C-alpha atoms as a PDB file:
ATOM      1  CA  UNK A   1      68.588  15.908   9.697  1.00  0.00           C
ATOM      2  CA  UNK A   2      65.996  18.719   9.594  1.00  0.00           C
ATOM      3  CA  UNK A   3      64.424  19.453  12.956  1.00  0.00           C
ATOM      4  CA  UNK A   4      60.901  20.105  11.705  1.00  0.00           C
ATOM      5  CA  UNK A   5      58.775  18.140   9.235  1.00  0.00           C
ATOM      6  CA  UNK A   6      58.073  21.378   7.331  1.00  0.00           C
ATOM      7  CA  UNK A   7      61.742  21.542   6.351  1.00  0.00           C
ATOM      8  CA  UNK A   8      61.580  18.232   4.462  1.00  0.00           C
ATOM      9  CA  UNK A   9      60.228  18.042   0.902  1.00  0.00           C
ATOM     10  CA  UNK A  10      57.447  15.408   0.957  1.00  0.00           C
ATOM     11  CA  UNK A  11      56.557  13.652  -2.296  1.00  0.00           C
ATOM     12  CA  UNK A  12      53.673  11.578  -0.908  1.00  0.00           C
ATOM     13  CA  UNK A  13      51.706  11.687   2.335  1.00  0.00           C
ATOM     14  CA  UNK A  14      49.649   8.784   3.666  1.00  0.00           C
ATOM     15  CA  UNK A  15      47.097   9.389   6.397  1.00  0.00           C
ATOM     16  CA  UNK A  16      46.749   6.084   8.256  1.00  0.00           C
ATOM     17  CA  UNK A  17      45.350   7.632  11.435  1.00  0.00           C
ATOM     18  CA  UNK A  18      42.662   5.395  12.913  1.00  0.00           C
ATOM     19  CA  UNK A  19      44.163   2.305  11.279  1.00  0.00           C
ATOM     20  CA  UNK A  20      45.750  -0.321  13.515  1.00  0.00           C
ATOM     21  CA  UNK A  21      48.554  -2.831  13.115  1.00  0.00           C
ATOM     22  CA  UNK A  22      49.455  -3.913  10.531  1.00  0.00           C
ATOM     23  CA  UNK A  23      47.499  -1.278   8.555  1.00  0.00           C
ATOM     24  CA  UNK A  24      49.893   1.698   8.817  1.00  0.00           C
ATOM     25  CA  UNK A  25      52.902  -0.480   7.940  1.00  0.00           C
ATOM     26  CA  UNK A  26      51.094  -1.981   4.933  1.00  0.00           C
ATOM     27  CA  UNK A  27      50.201   1.548   3.785  1.00  0.00           C
ATOM     28  CA  UNK A  28      53.857   2.580   4.144  1.00  0.00           C
ATOM     29  CA  UNK A  29      55.077  -0.380   2.102  1.00  0.00           C
ATOM     30  CA  UNK A  30      52.522   0.336  -0.643  1.00  0.00           C
ATOM     31  CA  UNK A  31      53.404   4.041  -0.589  1.00  0.00           C
ATOM     32  CA  UNK A  32      57.168   3.493  -0.815  1.00  0.00           C
ATOM     33  CA  UNK A  33      56.643   1.371  -3.914  1.00  0.00           C
ATOM     34  CA  UNK A  34      54.682   4.238  -5.504  1.00  0.00           C
ATOM     35  CA  UNK A  35      57.432   6.859  -5.247  1.00  0.00           C
ATOM     36  CA  UNK A  36      60.772   6.990  -7.086  1.00  0.00           C
ATOM     37  CA  UNK A  37      64.105   6.161  -5.462  1.00  0.00           C
ATOM     38  CA  UNK A  38      65.202   9.292  -3.598  1.00  0.00           C
ATOM     39  CA  UNK A  39      61.602  10.340  -2.989  1.00  0.00           C
ATOM     40  CA  UNK A  40      60.177  11.009   0.456  1.00  0.00           C
ATOM     41  CA  UNK A  41      56.995   9.790   2.058  1.00  0.00           C
ATOM     42  CA  UNK A  42      55.243  10.942   5.233  1.00  0.00           C
ATOM     43  CA  UNK A  43      53.112   8.416   7.098  1.00  0.00           C
ATOM     44  CA  UNK A  44      50.647   9.721   9.688  1.00  0.00           C
ATOM     45  CA  UNK A  45      49.793   7.035  12.242  1.00  0.00           C
ATOM     46  CA  UNK A  46      47.882   7.040  15.511  1.00  0.00           C
ATOM     47  CA  UNK A  47      48.775   3.377  16.186  1.00  0.00           C
ATOM     48  CA  UNK A  48      51.281   3.182  19.088  1.00  0.00           C
ATOM     49  CA  UNK A  49      52.799   0.050  17.528  1.00  0.00           C
ATOM     50  CA  UNK A  50      54.009   2.117  14.575  1.00  0.00           C
ATOM     51  CA  UNK A  51      56.701   3.660  16.797  1.00  0.00           C
ATOM     52  CA  UNK A  52      58.349   0.222  16.855  1.00  0.00           C
ATOM     53  CA  UNK A  53      57.211  -1.250  13.532  1.00  0.00           C
ATOM     54  CA  UNK A  54      57.994   1.615  11.144  1.00  0.00           C
ATOM     55  CA  UNK A  55      61.667   2.189  12.122  1.00  0.00           C
ATOM     56  CA  UNK A  56      62.310  -1.587  12.166  1.00  0.00           C
ATOM     57  CA  UNK A  57      60.829  -2.075   8.686  1.00  0.00           C
ATOM     58  CA  UNK A  58      62.592   0.989   7.239  1.00  0.00           C
ATOM     59  CA  UNK A  59      65.960  -0.323   8.429  1.00  0.00           C
ATOM     60  CA  UNK A  60      65.243  -3.886   7.281  1.00  0.00           C
ATOM     61  CA  UNK A  61      64.071  -2.692   3.848  1.00  0.00           C
ATOM     62  CA  UNK A  62      67.153  -0.499   3.355  1.00  0.00           C
ATOM     63  CA  UNK A  63      65.419   2.888   3.315  1.00  0.00           C
ATOM     64  CA  UNK A  64      66.158   5.969   5.442  1.00  0.00           C
ATOM     65  CA  UNK A  65      64.049   7.252   8.341  1.00  0.00           C
ATOM     66  CA  UNK A  66      64.429  11.042   8.127  1.00  0.00           C
ATOM     67  CA  UNK A  67      62.438  11.690  11.265  1.00  0.00           C
ATOM     68  CA  UNK A  68      59.737  10.716  13.711  1.00  0.00           C
ATOM     69  CA  UNK A  69      57.641  13.724  14.659  1.00  0.00           C
ATOM     70  CA  UNK A  70      55.049  13.444  17.467  1.00  0.00           C
ATOM     71  CA  UNK A  71      51.907  15.445  16.688  1.00  0.00           C
ATOM     72  CA  UNK A  72      48.609  15.895  18.556  1.00  0.00           C
ATOM     73  CA  UNK A  73      47.193  12.348  18.729  1.00  0.00           C
ATOM     74  CA  UNK A  74      49.442  10.815  16.070  1.00  0.00           C
ATOM     75  CA  UNK A  75      53.038  10.516  14.851  1.00  0.00           C
ATOM     76  CA  UNK A  76      54.437  11.642  11.500  1.00  0.00           C
ATOM     77  CA  UNK A  77      57.111   9.297  10.127  1.00  0.00           C
ATOM     78  CA  UNK A  78      59.175  10.659   7.238  1.00  0.00           C
ATOM     79  CA  UNK A  79      60.978   8.082   5.088  1.00  0.00           C
ATOM     80  CA  UNK A  80      63.260   8.402   2.045  1.00  0.00           C
ATOM     81  CA  UNK A  81      63.223   5.585  -0.486  1.00  0.00           C
ATOM     82  CA  UNK A  82      66.812   4.450  -0.976  1.00  0.00           C
ATOM     83  CA  UNK A  83      66.445   1.575  -3.451  1.00  0.00           C
END
């Protein structure tokens, strides 16, 4: 797994900072549907609940969490669509 988000090719980025549960997760679900299988999506979220919700949904939905990158005031979640 790449160690920095800049090393991962991102096909779509969703800025959900300032949105609270379940907003960031709903944005992620909508975004994953909009990219092709094999594509990558970055979700920016300032909601602390996303640290639990995003990895759980990604695993349940059968996608791949490429990384969780803490930034100043938010977290960047990078997900690859697997199906």
